[in-house]
Amino acid sequence: MKRFALFIGIGGISTLIQFLLLILFVEFNLLPEVVASAAGYVLASFFSYWANYHFTFASKQSHWKAYPKFALTVGLGMSVNTVVFAGLFFIFGQLWQPPWIEPYLAAQVLATGFTLVVNFLMHKFWIYKEH
C-alpha cells in the first residue's frame, strides 16, 4: 500500500506538471489541444521515471534495463491518454460544453483517470517486477 501511495503522489506531481504544460501550450497558442496534451504527458514522464525509479520502487536495475520498459509504458500511457483526451475533447468542445471548466481541461481530467491504473500495473508488473 505504501508503494501505491508513493506512486499516486509522484503521479500527482507528474499530473500537475502535465496540466501546467497543457495550459501553457494551449493558452499561449503554442500547440493545438490534442498535441499539447500528448506533449505534456511525455515531458512530465521524465520526472515520473526519475522519482519512481528512486523512491517508489527503489530500483537497483540499470537504467539501460528499466528505461526502455518505461519508455514503452509511456508510449502506451500517452496513446491511451491521447485517444481518450481527443474523444472527450470532441464531446466537450462540440456536443456539450461544461460551463464551469474549459473543454480541454475537462477532457484532460477524465483522460488522466483512465491512465492511472494502466500505468501502475505496467510499473508494478513489468518495469520493476522484482518488487
Protein backbone atom coordinates (compact mmCIF):
# COMPACT_ATOMS: atom_id res chain seq x y z
CA MET A 1 0.00 0.00 0.00
CA LYS A 2 2.91 2.36 0.75
CA ARG A 3 4.28 1.83 -2.74
CA PHE A 4 0.90 2.62 -4.28
CA ALA A 5 0.65 5.79 -2.15
CA LEU A 6 4.09 6.90 -3.34
CA PHE A 7 3.13 6.09 -6.90
CA ILE A 8 -0.04 8.19 -6.54
CA GLY A 9 1.91 11.08 -5.00
CA ILE A 10 4.54 11.08 -7.73
CA GLY A 11 1.81 10.64 -10.30
CA GLY A 12 0.04 13.65 -8.80
CA ILE A 13 3.15 15.79 -9.22
CA SER A 14 3.62 14.44 -12.76
CA THR A 15 -0.02 15.21 -13.50
CA LEU A 16 0.42 18.74 -12.18
CA ILE A 17 3.42 19.15 -14.50
CA GLN A 18 1.36 17.79 -17.40
CA PHE A 19 -1.56 20.13 -16.67
CA LEU A 20 0.73 23.16 -16.34
CA LEU A 21 2.36 22.34 -19.67
CA LEU A 22 -1.03 21.71 -21.29
CA ILE A 23 -2.33 25.08 -20.11
CA LEU A 24 0.87 26.84 -21.18
CA PHE A 25 0.84 25.24 -24.64
CA VAL A 26 -2.88 25.94 -25.23
CA GLU A 27 -3.24 29.40 -23.68
CA PHE A 28 -0.15 30.75 -25.46
CA ASN A 29 -1.28 29.11 -28.74
CA LEU A 30 1.90 27.07 -28.95
CA LEU A 31 0.21 23.76 -29.75
CA PRO A 32 -3.31 22.52 -30.55
CA GLU A 33 -5.08 20.89 -27.59
CA VAL A 34 -4.60 17.22 -28.50
CA VAL A 35 -0.91 17.70 -29.33
CA ALA A 36 -0.46 19.79 -26.16
CA SER A 37 -1.94 17.00 -24.04
CA ALA A 38 0.37 14.40 -25.58
CA ALA A 39 3.44 16.65 -25.30
CA GLY A 40 2.67 17.46 -21.66
CA TYR A 41 2.27 13.75 -20.92
CA VAL A 42 5.62 12.86 -22.46
CA LEU A 43 7.52 15.72 -20.82
CA ALA A 44 6.03 15.00 -17.38
CA SER A 45 7.05 11.36 -17.77
CA PHE A 46 10.72 12.25 -17.33
CA PHE A 47 10.05 13.39 -13.75
CA SER A 48 7.87 10.34 -13.20
CA TYR A 49 10.61 7.96 -14.29
CA TRP A 50 13.24 9.54 -12.08
CA ALA A 51 11.03 9.71 -8.98
CA ASN A 52 9.51 6.24 -9.33
CA TYR A 53 12.90 4.69 -10.03
CA HIS A 54 14.45 6.22 -6.91
CA PHE A 55 11.57 6.46 -4.43
CA THR A 56 8.54 4.31 -5.24
CA PHE A 57 10.37 1.20 -6.34
CA ALA A 58 13.92 1.98 -5.08
CA SER A 59 15.12 0.11 -8.10
CA LYS A 60 18.60 -1.33 -8.40
CA GLN A 61 18.08 -2.15 -12.08
CA SER A 62 20.34 -0.38 -14.52
CA HIS A 63 18.71 2.44 -16.45
CA TRP A 64 19.61 0.52 -19.58
CA LYS A 65 17.20 -2.19 -18.47
CA ALA A 66 14.48 -0.14 -16.75
CA TYR A 67 14.20 2.89 -19.05
CA PRO A 68 13.30 1.09 -22.31
CA LYS A 69 10.43 -0.63 -20.50
CA PHE A 70 9.39 2.69 -19.03
CA ALA A 71 9.55 4.33 -22.47
CA LEU A 72 7.20 1.66 -23.86
CA THR A 73 4.90 2.20 -20.90
CA VAL A 74 4.94 5.95 -21.54
CA GLY A 75 4.08 5.24 -25.17
CA LEU A 76 1.13 3.10 -24.11
CA GLY A 77 0.03 5.64 -21.49
CA MET A 78 0.37 8.52 -23.93
CA SER A 79 -1.65 6.58 -26.50
CA VAL A 80 -4.44 5.90 -24.01
CA ASN A 81 -4.31 9.49 -22.74
CA THR A 82 -4.35 10.97 -26.24
CA VAL A 83 -7.14 8.80 -27.64
CA VAL A 84 -9.35 9.36 -24.59
CA PHE A 85 -8.48 13.07 -24.49
CA ALA A 86 -9.25 13.55 -28.19
CA GLY A 87 -12.60 11.79 -27.89
CA LEU A 88 -13.62 13.67 -24.77
CA PHE A 89 -12.33 16.98 -26.14
CA PHE A 90 -14.54 16.47 -29.18
CA ILE A 91 -17.52 15.71 -26.95
CA PHE A 92 -16.89 18.63 -24.59
CA GLY A 93 -15.90 21.02 -27.36
CA GLN A 94 -18.62 20.17 -29.87
CA LEU A 95 -21.55 18.42 -28.24
CA TRP A 96 -21.65 19.67 -24.65
CA GLN A 97 -19.57 22.41 -23.14
CA PRO A 98 -19.28 22.26 -19.36
CA PRO A 99 -20.00 25.79 -18.11
CA TRP A 100 -17.54 25.67 -15.21
CA ILE A 101 -14.36 24.46 -16.94
CA GLU A 102 -12.63 24.77 -20.29
CA PRO A 103 -13.43 21.76 -22.50
CA TYR A 104 -9.76 20.79 -22.87
CA LEU A 105 -9.28 20.74 -19.09
CA ALA A 106 -12.41 18.65 -18.51
CA ALA A 107 -11.19 16.18 -21.13
CA GLN A 108 -7.75 16.02 -19.52
CA VAL A 109 -9.13 15.37 -16.03
CA LEU A 110 -11.04 12.34 -17.27
CA ALA A 111 -8.27 11.11 -19.58
CA THR A 112 -5.84 11.22 -16.65
CA GLY A 113 -8.08 8.91 -14.64
CA PHE A 114 -8.05 6.32 -17.42
CA THR A 115 -4.27 6.14 -17.48
CA LEU A 116 -3.68 5.82 -13.71
CA VAL A 117 -4.47 2.12 -13.34
CA VAL A 118 -2.76 1.12 -16.60
CA ASN A 119 0.41 2.96 -15.58
CA PHE A 120 0.59 1.47 -12.09
CA LEU A 121 0.09 -2.06 -13.37
CA MET A 122 2.74 -1.61 -16.04
CA HIS A 123 5.21 -0.25 -13.47
CA LYS A 124 4.45 -2.87 -10.85
CA PHE A 125 4.34 -5.98 -13.01
CA TRP A 126 6.70 -5.19 -15.84
CA ILE A 127 9.16 -2.33 -15.32
CA TYR A 128 10.04 -3.03 -11.68
CA LYS A 129 8.63 -6.57 -11.42
CA GLU A 130 11.14 -7.83 -8.84
CA HIS A 131 9.44 -5.76 -6.12
